[in-house]
Amino acid sequence: MGRSRAVDPNRIRIMTAHSSRLAGLDLARYLAFVGMVIVNFKIAMGAEGGAGLLAQLTGALEGRAAATFVVLAGIGLGLSHQQHAAQTTASTVRRALVLLALGLLNMTVFEADILHYYAFYFLFGALLLPLGSASLAALVLGLNALFVGLCFTLDYDAGWDWQTYTYTGFWTPTGFLRNLMFNGWHPVVPWLGFLLFGILLSRMPLAERRTQRGLIAGGFVALALAEALSARLAVALATLNPGLALLAGTEPVPPGPLYSMAGIGAACIVVGACLIGAELAPGKALLRIVGPAGRQTLTLYLAHVLVGMGVLEAMDLLGGQSVAGATAAALLFCAAATVYALLWSRAFGRGPVEALLRRIAG
């Protein structure tokens, strides 16, 4: 019988303190989830556009909330690799296959699904995990440059009916590949860059207050710079080529380089602020309520489509609604989801879909 290995109590204390100080990531995931629900309910309820402060605030979430969610997935993948390097690649590939199946099923009822894109982010991410930080940073820049190049060589509008937001030919090999890699809602080029940036963040001392403050400051600089450059370039390029002006925007469609900069900046702000906030008394109290939902975002993402939008359809609220109505419906769903996740976690721990994924993928 082998000798038992002595456990260093100081190491246990360090690991416990580190994990507790990163509990803010659950808060960040929760906030990103709420933002995604608001955006998707607006789309489903036909409440895009509009004027007023609420329209501007909810409009600012478009593309930002989802990008933050992908960055957080990259942080989680990177942290997992640091703790279980030998198992991470195999388990990530299995997880990606499950996400692909769930996402394609979800696509049959919600065409703006992000899960099947996630599957490929994780597949590529698992292969790229061994790369050094400089190489990952170069890939983030390269993906954005590649997207611009593709826009000059391919037809970004191919397959799209922008009046109805429907995509023709998605279920054909050519259409699926084009949508996945180039002109879908969250194409691998350049959206994989958000996951790779998250992996880069996972290699930073996130538990340190200096890093957290740096993320907030750097995020504000990146976001402000992206918006300022976009405002100048869009006007200058509009007279030359309207397509170039679109590429200079910070909107998620099309996802030009300045959109990626703005999305990364917003993600840094959310991550840094949540890591700091989770250490304060109000943040700790809030985490006890929303933390379980932040750890069950996969379950809740599917629920907001199957249950939330299902209820909206039954109430004949899909289409022609106001921004205020869509926001209220989204927040009501998020409140119900928060209560559900809290009660479920007390009885079962992991969410049902998270538990399934854990059983299949490890």
Protein backbone atom coordinates (compact mmCIF):
# COMPACT_ATOMS: atom_id res chain seq x y z
CA MET A 1 0.00 0.00 0.00
CA GLY A 2 1.55 3.34 -1.05
CA ARG A 3 2.47 6.06 1.39
CA SER A 4 -0.02 8.86 1.75
CA ARG A 5 1.24 12.25 0.58
CA ALA A 6 1.37 14.97 3.20
CA VAL A 7 -0.93 17.91 2.43
CA ASP A 8 0.51 21.37 2.85
CA PRO A 9 -2.04 23.43 4.81
CA ASN A 10 -0.57 26.66 3.43
CA ARG A 11 -1.24 25.41 -0.13
CA ILE A 12 -4.84 24.63 0.80
CA ARG A 13 -5.30 28.12 2.20
CA ILE A 14 -3.78 29.71 -0.92
CA MET A 15 -5.99 27.65 -3.27
CA THR A 16 -9.12 28.40 -1.22
CA ALA A 17 -8.37 32.13 -1.14
CA HIS A 18 -7.65 32.14 -4.90
CA SER A 19 -10.90 30.33 -5.77
CA SER A 20 -12.97 32.54 -3.47
CA ARG A 21 -11.43 35.70 -4.94
CA LEU A 22 -12.36 34.49 -8.44
CA ALA A 23 -15.98 33.93 -7.43
CA GLY A 24 -16.62 37.21 -9.22
CA LEU A 25 -16.46 35.27 -12.48
CA ASP A 26 -19.82 33.73 -11.56
CA LEU A 27 -21.19 37.24 -11.16
CA ALA A 28 -19.71 38.25 -14.52
CA ARG A 29 -21.28 35.20 -16.20
CA TYR A 30 -24.62 36.07 -14.66
CA LEU A 31 -24.48 39.67 -15.91
CA ALA A 32 -23.44 38.51 -19.38
CA PHE A 33 -26.35 36.05 -19.39
CA VAL A 34 -28.83 38.78 -18.43
CA GLY A 35 -27.48 40.97 -21.21
CA MET A 36 -27.85 38.16 -23.75
CA VAL A 37 -31.44 37.53 -22.70
CA ILE A 38 -32.31 41.21 -23.11
CA VAL A 39 -30.76 41.30 -26.58
CA ASN A 40 -32.40 38.06 -27.73
CA PHE A 41 -35.82 38.99 -26.36
CA LYS A 42 -35.59 42.30 -28.21
CA ILE A 43 -34.86 40.44 -31.44
CA ALA A 44 -37.60 37.86 -30.89
CA MET A 45 -40.17 40.49 -29.89
CA GLY A 46 -39.35 42.80 -32.79
CA ALA A 47 -38.23 45.62 -30.49
CA GLU A 48 -34.91 46.53 -32.10
CA GLY A 49 -34.11 50.15 -32.77
CA GLY A 50 -36.18 52.87 -31.21
CA ALA A 51 -35.20 56.09 -29.46
CA GLY A 52 -34.67 57.08 -25.86
CA LEU A 53 -32.29 56.19 -23.06
CA LEU A 54 -33.55 52.61 -22.62
CA ALA A 55 -33.11 51.88 -26.32
CA GLN A 56 -29.55 53.22 -26.17
CA LEU A 57 -28.68 51.24 -23.03
CA THR A 58 -30.07 47.96 -24.33
CA GLY A 59 -28.59 48.64 -27.76
CA ALA A 60 -25.15 48.92 -26.13
CA LEU A 61 -25.56 45.32 -24.96
CA GLU A 62 -25.82 43.99 -28.53
CA GLY A 63 -22.69 42.01 -29.24
CA ARG A 64 -21.07 43.13 -25.96
CA ALA A 65 -22.88 40.68 -23.66
CA ALA A 66 -22.23 37.70 -25.93
CA ALA A 67 -18.58 38.70 -26.42
CA THR A 68 -18.14 38.93 -22.64
CA PHE A 69 -19.64 35.47 -22.32
CA VAL A 70 -17.13 34.04 -24.80
CA VAL A 71 -14.22 35.77 -23.04
CA LEU A 72 -15.40 34.24 -19.77
CA ALA A 73 -15.52 30.82 -21.46
CA GLY A 74 -11.90 31.35 -22.50
CA ILE A 75 -10.93 32.24 -18.93
CA GLY A 76 -12.60 29.06 -17.69
CA LEU A 77 -10.88 26.96 -20.34
CA GLY A 78 -7.51 28.47 -19.53
CA LEU A 79 -7.91 27.97 -15.77
CA SER A 80 -8.98 24.36 -16.34
CA HIS A 81 -5.88 23.76 -18.45
CA GLN A 82 -3.67 25.14 -15.69
CA GLN A 83 -5.18 22.75 -13.13
CA HIS A 84 -5.72 19.64 -15.29
CA ALA A 85 -3.55 20.04 -18.38
CA ALA A 86 -3.52 16.34 -19.25
CA GLN A 87 -7.31 15.97 -19.29
CA THR A 88 -8.38 19.38 -20.60
CA THR A 89 -7.98 18.77 -24.34
CA ALA A 90 -9.89 15.46 -24.44
CA SER A 91 -12.68 16.68 -22.15
CA THR A 92 -12.99 19.94 -24.12
CA VAL A 93 -13.38 18.06 -27.40
CA ARG A 94 -16.14 15.89 -25.88
CA ARG A 95 -17.80 18.98 -24.44
CA ALA A 96 -17.65 20.66 -27.84
CA LEU A 97 -19.42 17.73 -29.50
CA VAL A 98 -22.23 17.90 -26.94
CA LEU A 99 -22.54 21.65 -27.42
CA LEU A 100 -22.69 21.16 -31.19
CA ALA A 101 -25.58 18.71 -30.84
CA LEU A 102 -27.44 20.99 -28.40
CA GLY A 103 -26.80 24.03 -30.57
CA LEU A 104 -28.05 22.44 -33.78
CA LEU A 105 -31.19 21.29 -31.99
CA ASN A 106 -31.65 24.80 -30.64
CA MET A 107 -31.20 26.19 -34.16
CA THR A 108 -34.45 24.54 -35.19
CA VAL A 109 -36.35 26.97 -32.95
CA PHE A 110 -33.93 29.92 -32.55
CA GLU A 111 -31.79 30.89 -35.54
CA ALA A 112 -29.52 33.20 -33.50
CA ASP A 113 -28.21 30.26 -31.45
CA ILE A 114 -24.66 30.66 -30.16
CA LEU A 115 -24.02 27.15 -28.79
CA HIS A 116 -23.02 25.51 -32.08
CA TYR A 117 -20.48 28.32 -32.57
CA TYR A 118 -19.24 27.68 -29.04
CA ALA A 119 -18.56 24.09 -30.01
CA PHE A 120 -16.05 25.20 -32.61
CA TYR A 121 -14.55 27.90 -30.38
CA PHE A 122 -13.80 25.15 -27.89
CA LEU A 123 -12.48 22.75 -30.53
CA PHE A 124 -10.04 25.33 -31.86
CA GLY A 125 -9.31 26.58 -28.35
CA ALA A 126 -8.39 23.09 -27.15
CA LEU A 127 -5.89 22.75 -30.00
CA LEU A 128 -4.39 26.20 -29.35
CA LEU A 129 -4.09 25.96 -25.57
CA PRO A 130 -0.41 24.90 -25.64
CA LEU A 131 0.61 28.05 -27.54
CA GLY A 132 2.43 30.84 -25.77
CA SER A 133 0.74 34.12 -24.92
CA ALA A 134 2.49 36.03 -27.72
CA SER A 135 1.22 33.51 -30.28
CA LEU A 136 -2.33 33.70 -28.94
CA ALA A 137 -2.27 37.50 -29.05
CA ALA A 138 -1.01 37.35 -32.65
CA LEU A 139 -3.89 35.00 -33.52
CA VAL A 140 -6.43 37.41 -32.03
CA LEU A 141 -5.08 40.16 -34.29
CA GLY A 142 -4.78 37.78 -37.23
CA LEU A 143 -8.40 36.65 -36.98
CA ASN A 144 -9.57 40.26 -37.21
CA ALA A 145 -7.30 40.96 -40.16
CA LEU A 146 -8.51 37.77 -41.84
CA PHE A 147 -12.14 38.82 -41.43
CA VAL A 148 -11.45 42.11 -43.20
CA GLY A 149 -9.70 40.22 -45.98
CA LEU A 150 -12.61 37.81 -46.36
CA CYS A 151 -15.03 40.72 -46.66
CA PHE A 152 -13.10 41.89 -49.73
CA THR A 153 -13.08 38.44 -51.33
CA LEU A 154 -16.44 36.94 -50.31
CA ASP A 155 -20.03 38.21 -50.24
CA TYR A 156 -20.88 38.97 -46.63
CA ASP A 157 -24.61 39.20 -47.48
CA ALA A 158 -24.72 35.70 -49.02
CA GLY A 159 -27.58 33.69 -47.56
CA TRP A 160 -29.05 36.58 -45.56
CA ASP A 161 -32.47 38.19 -45.76
CA TRP A 162 -31.82 41.23 -43.56
CA GLN A 163 -35.49 42.15 -43.46
CA THR A 164 -36.47 38.95 -41.67
CA TYR A 165 -33.05 37.95 -40.27
CA THR A 166 -33.36 34.53 -41.91
CA TYR A 167 -30.46 32.63 -43.46
CA THR A 168 -31.01 30.57 -46.59
CA GLY A 169 -28.98 27.40 -47.04
CA PHE A 170 -27.78 27.04 -43.45
CA TRP A 171 -28.39 23.27 -43.52
CA THR A 172 -26.31 22.76 -46.67
CA PRO A 173 -22.56 22.05 -46.36
CA THR A 174 -21.58 25.27 -48.13
CA GLY A 175 -24.07 27.44 -46.27
CA PHE A 176 -23.22 25.92 -42.90
CA LEU A 177 -19.49 26.45 -43.39
CA ARG A 178 -19.97 30.01 -44.65
CA ASN A 179 -22.27 30.88 -41.75
CA LEU A 180 -20.00 29.21 -39.18
CA MET A 181 -16.71 30.70 -40.29
CA PHE A 182 -17.60 34.04 -41.86
CA ASN A 183 -21.06 35.61 -41.90
CA GLY A 184 -23.19 33.99 -39.20
CA TRP A 185 -24.32 35.69 -36.00
CA HIS A 186 -21.11 34.75 -34.17
CA PRO A 187 -18.65 33.48 -36.82
CA VAL A 188 -15.44 31.74 -35.82
CA VAL A 189 -13.58 34.45 -37.77
CA PRO A 190 -13.19 36.70 -35.78
CA TRP A 191 -15.20 35.56 -32.71
CA LEU A 192 -12.68 32.85 -31.78
CA GLY A 193 -10.49 35.81 -30.82
CA PHE A 194 -12.69 36.47 -27.79
CA LEU A 195 -12.08 32.94 -26.48
CA LEU A 196 -8.34 33.24 -27.11
CA PHE A 197 -8.29 36.58 -25.31
CA GLY A 198 -10.02 34.90 -22.36
CA ILE A 199 -7.28 32.26 -22.31
CA LEU A 200 -4.75 35.09 -22.19
CA LEU A 201 -6.59 36.63 -19.23
CA SER A 202 -6.55 33.28 -17.42
CA ARG A 203 -2.74 33.47 -17.41
CA MET A 204 -2.81 36.76 -15.51
CA PRO A 205 -2.94 37.01 -11.69
CA LEU A 206 -6.68 37.70 -11.70
CA ALA A 207 -6.95 37.43 -7.91
CA GLU A 208 -4.72 40.47 -7.45
CA ARG A 209 -6.38 43.85 -7.03
CA ARG A 210 -3.78 45.50 -9.25
CA THR A 211 -4.76 43.22 -12.14
CA GLN A 212 -8.46 43.80 -11.53
CA ARG A 213 -8.04 47.57 -11.59
CA GLY A 214 -5.86 47.28 -14.68
CA LEU A 215 -8.59 45.34 -16.46
CA ILE A 216 -11.15 48.05 -15.72
CA ALA A 217 -8.84 50.90 -16.77
CA GLY A 218 -7.61 49.08 -19.87
CA GLY A 219 -11.15 48.09 -20.78
CA PHE A 220 -12.38 51.67 -20.64
CA VAL A 221 -9.44 52.83 -22.79
CA ALA A 222 -10.07 50.10 -25.39
CA LEU A 223 -13.81 50.76 -25.49
CA ALA A 224 -13.44 54.54 -25.72
CA LEU A 225 -10.71 54.27 -28.36
CA ALA A 226 -12.80 51.88 -30.46
CA GLU A 227 -15.82 54.18 -30.35
CA ALA A 228 -13.75 57.29 -31.11
CA LEU A 229 -11.94 55.66 -34.04
CA SER A 230 -15.22 54.28 -35.36
CA ALA A 231 -16.89 57.69 -35.28
CA ARG A 232 -14.07 59.25 -37.26
CA LEU A 233 -13.46 56.44 -39.73
CA ALA A 234 -17.13 55.75 -40.46
CA VAL A 235 -17.66 59.33 -41.65
CA ALA A 236 -14.43 59.43 -43.64
CA LEU A 237 -14.97 56.04 -45.30
CA ALA A 238 -18.69 56.53 -46.04
CA THR A 239 -17.86 58.84 -48.93
CA LEU A 240 -15.43 56.30 -50.38
CA ASN A 241 -17.23 53.01 -49.82
CA PRO A 242 -20.27 52.31 -47.57
CA GLY A 243 -19.01 48.76 -47.05
CA LEU A 244 -15.77 50.05 -45.58
CA ALA A 245 -17.77 52.31 -43.27
CA LEU A 246 -19.63 49.27 -41.95
CA LEU A 247 -16.33 47.48 -41.27
CA ALA A 248 -15.23 50.51 -39.24
CA GLY A 249 -18.27 50.26 -36.96
CA THR A 250 -18.52 48.83 -33.46
CA GLU A 251 -21.73 46.94 -34.18
CA PRO A 252 -21.63 43.10 -34.06
CA VAL A 253 -22.83 42.77 -37.66
CA PRO A 254 -20.46 42.83 -39.40
CA PRO A 255 -17.89 42.16 -36.65
CA GLY A 256 -15.05 44.41 -37.78
CA PRO A 257 -11.82 44.96 -35.85
CA LEU A 258 -13.19 47.93 -33.90
CA TYR A 259 -16.14 45.82 -32.80
CA SER A 260 -13.69 43.23 -31.45
CA MET A 261 -11.77 45.96 -29.64
CA ALA A 262 -14.98 47.31 -28.12
CA GLY A 263 -16.14 43.81 -27.15
CA ILE A 264 -12.81 43.00 -25.50
CA GLY A 265 -12.87 46.35 -23.69
CA ALA A 266 -16.38 45.75 -22.37
CA ALA A 267 -15.43 42.23 -21.24
CA CYS A 268 -12.38 43.56 -19.36
CA ILE A 269 -14.53 46.11 -17.55
CA VAL A 270 -17.12 43.51 -16.52
CA VAL A 271 -14.53 40.94 -15.40
CA GLY A 272 -12.46 43.44 -13.43
CA ALA A 273 -15.48 45.09 -11.79
CA CYS A 274 -17.07 41.76 -10.85
CA LEU A 275 -13.84 40.39 -9.38
CA ILE A 276 -13.57 43.49 -7.18
CA GLY A 277 -17.27 43.65 -6.38
CA ALA A 278 -17.41 40.01 -5.32
CA GLU A 279 -14.97 40.76 -2.49
CA LEU A 280 -17.12 43.55 -1.03
CA ALA A 281 -19.97 42.88 1.40
CA PRO A 282 -22.79 43.83 -1.03
CA GLY A 283 -21.17 41.73 -3.75
CA LYS A 284 -20.88 38.71 -1.48
CA ALA A 285 -24.55 39.03 -0.55
CA LEU A 286 -25.51 39.36 -4.22
CA LEU A 287 -23.40 36.33 -5.14
CA ARG A 288 -25.28 34.15 -2.71
CA ILE A 289 -28.41 34.91 -4.74
CA VAL A 290 -27.17 35.02 -8.34
CA GLY A 291 -24.07 32.81 -8.07
CA PRO A 292 -25.98 29.57 -8.77
CA ALA A 293 -27.49 31.10 -11.90
CA GLY A 294 -24.00 32.19 -12.97
CA ARG A 295 -22.91 28.55 -12.71
CA GLN A 296 -25.94 27.27 -14.64
CA THR A 297 -25.83 29.56 -17.65
CA LEU A 298 -25.93 26.71 -20.17
CA THR A 299 -29.18 25.40 -18.71
CA LEU A 300 -30.61 28.90 -18.48
CA TYR A 301 -29.52 29.82 -22.01
CA LEU A 302 -31.51 26.91 -23.42
CA ALA A 303 -34.39 27.74 -21.06
CA HIS A 304 -34.62 31.33 -22.26
CA VAL A 305 -35.27 30.00 -25.77
CA LEU A 306 -37.43 26.95 -25.05
CA VAL A 307 -39.33 28.30 -22.05
CA GLY A 308 -39.00 32.08 -22.20
CA MET A 309 -39.65 32.53 -25.89
CA GLY A 310 -42.16 29.70 -25.80
CA VAL A 311 -44.23 31.67 -23.29
CA LEU A 312 -43.86 34.82 -25.40
CA GLU A 313 -45.14 32.94 -28.44
CA ALA A 314 -48.08 31.54 -26.49
CA MET A 315 -48.94 35.10 -25.40
CA ASP A 316 -48.60 36.35 -29.00
CA LEU A 317 -45.75 38.71 -28.06
CA LEU A 318 -43.27 37.75 -30.79
CA GLY A 319 -43.04 40.78 -33.05
CA GLY A 320 -44.21 44.36 -32.92
CA GLN A 321 -43.33 45.01 -29.27
CA SER A 322 -41.66 47.99 -27.61
CA VAL A 323 -38.15 48.14 -26.18
CA ALA A 324 -39.62 48.68 -22.72
CA GLY A 325 -41.87 45.63 -23.08
CA ALA A 326 -39.04 43.41 -24.31
CA THR A 327 -36.72 44.58 -21.53
CA ALA A 328 -39.40 43.99 -18.89
CA ALA A 329 -40.06 40.49 -20.23
CA ALA A 330 -36.33 39.71 -20.25
CA LEU A 331 -35.81 40.91 -16.69
CA LEU A 332 -38.88 39.00 -15.50
CA PHE A 333 -37.49 35.82 -17.05
CA CYS A 334 -34.06 36.44 -15.52
CA ALA A 335 -35.63 36.94 -12.08
CA ALA A 336 -37.54 33.66 -12.40
CA ALA A 337 -34.40 31.90 -13.69
CA THR A 338 -32.41 33.22 -10.72
CA VAL A 339 -34.91 31.84 -8.23
CA TYR A 340 -35.04 28.52 -10.06
CA ALA A 341 -31.24 28.19 -10.15
CA LEU A 342 -30.98 29.03 -6.45
CA LEU A 343 -33.54 26.39 -5.46
CA TRP A 344 -32.17 23.78 -7.87
CA SER A 345 -28.60 24.25 -6.63
CA ARG A 346 -29.65 23.63 -3.05
CA ALA A 347 -31.18 20.30 -4.01
CA PHE A 348 -28.92 19.05 -6.80
CA GLY A 349 -25.81 21.22 -7.09
CA ARG A 350 -25.10 21.55 -10.82
CA GLY A 351 -27.75 22.56 -13.31
CA PRO A 352 -29.38 19.72 -15.28
CA VAL A 353 -27.59 20.47 -18.57
CA GLU A 354 -24.30 21.15 -16.76
CA ALA A 355 -24.64 17.80 -14.95
CA LEU A 356 -25.31 16.04 -18.26
CA LEU A 357 -22.30 17.70 -19.84
CA ARG A 358 -20.14 16.72 -16.88
CA ARG A 359 -21.30 13.09 -17.10
CA ILE A 360 -20.61 12.87 -20.84
CA ALA A 361 -17.51 15.03 -21.16
CA GLY A 362 -15.98 14.77 -17.69
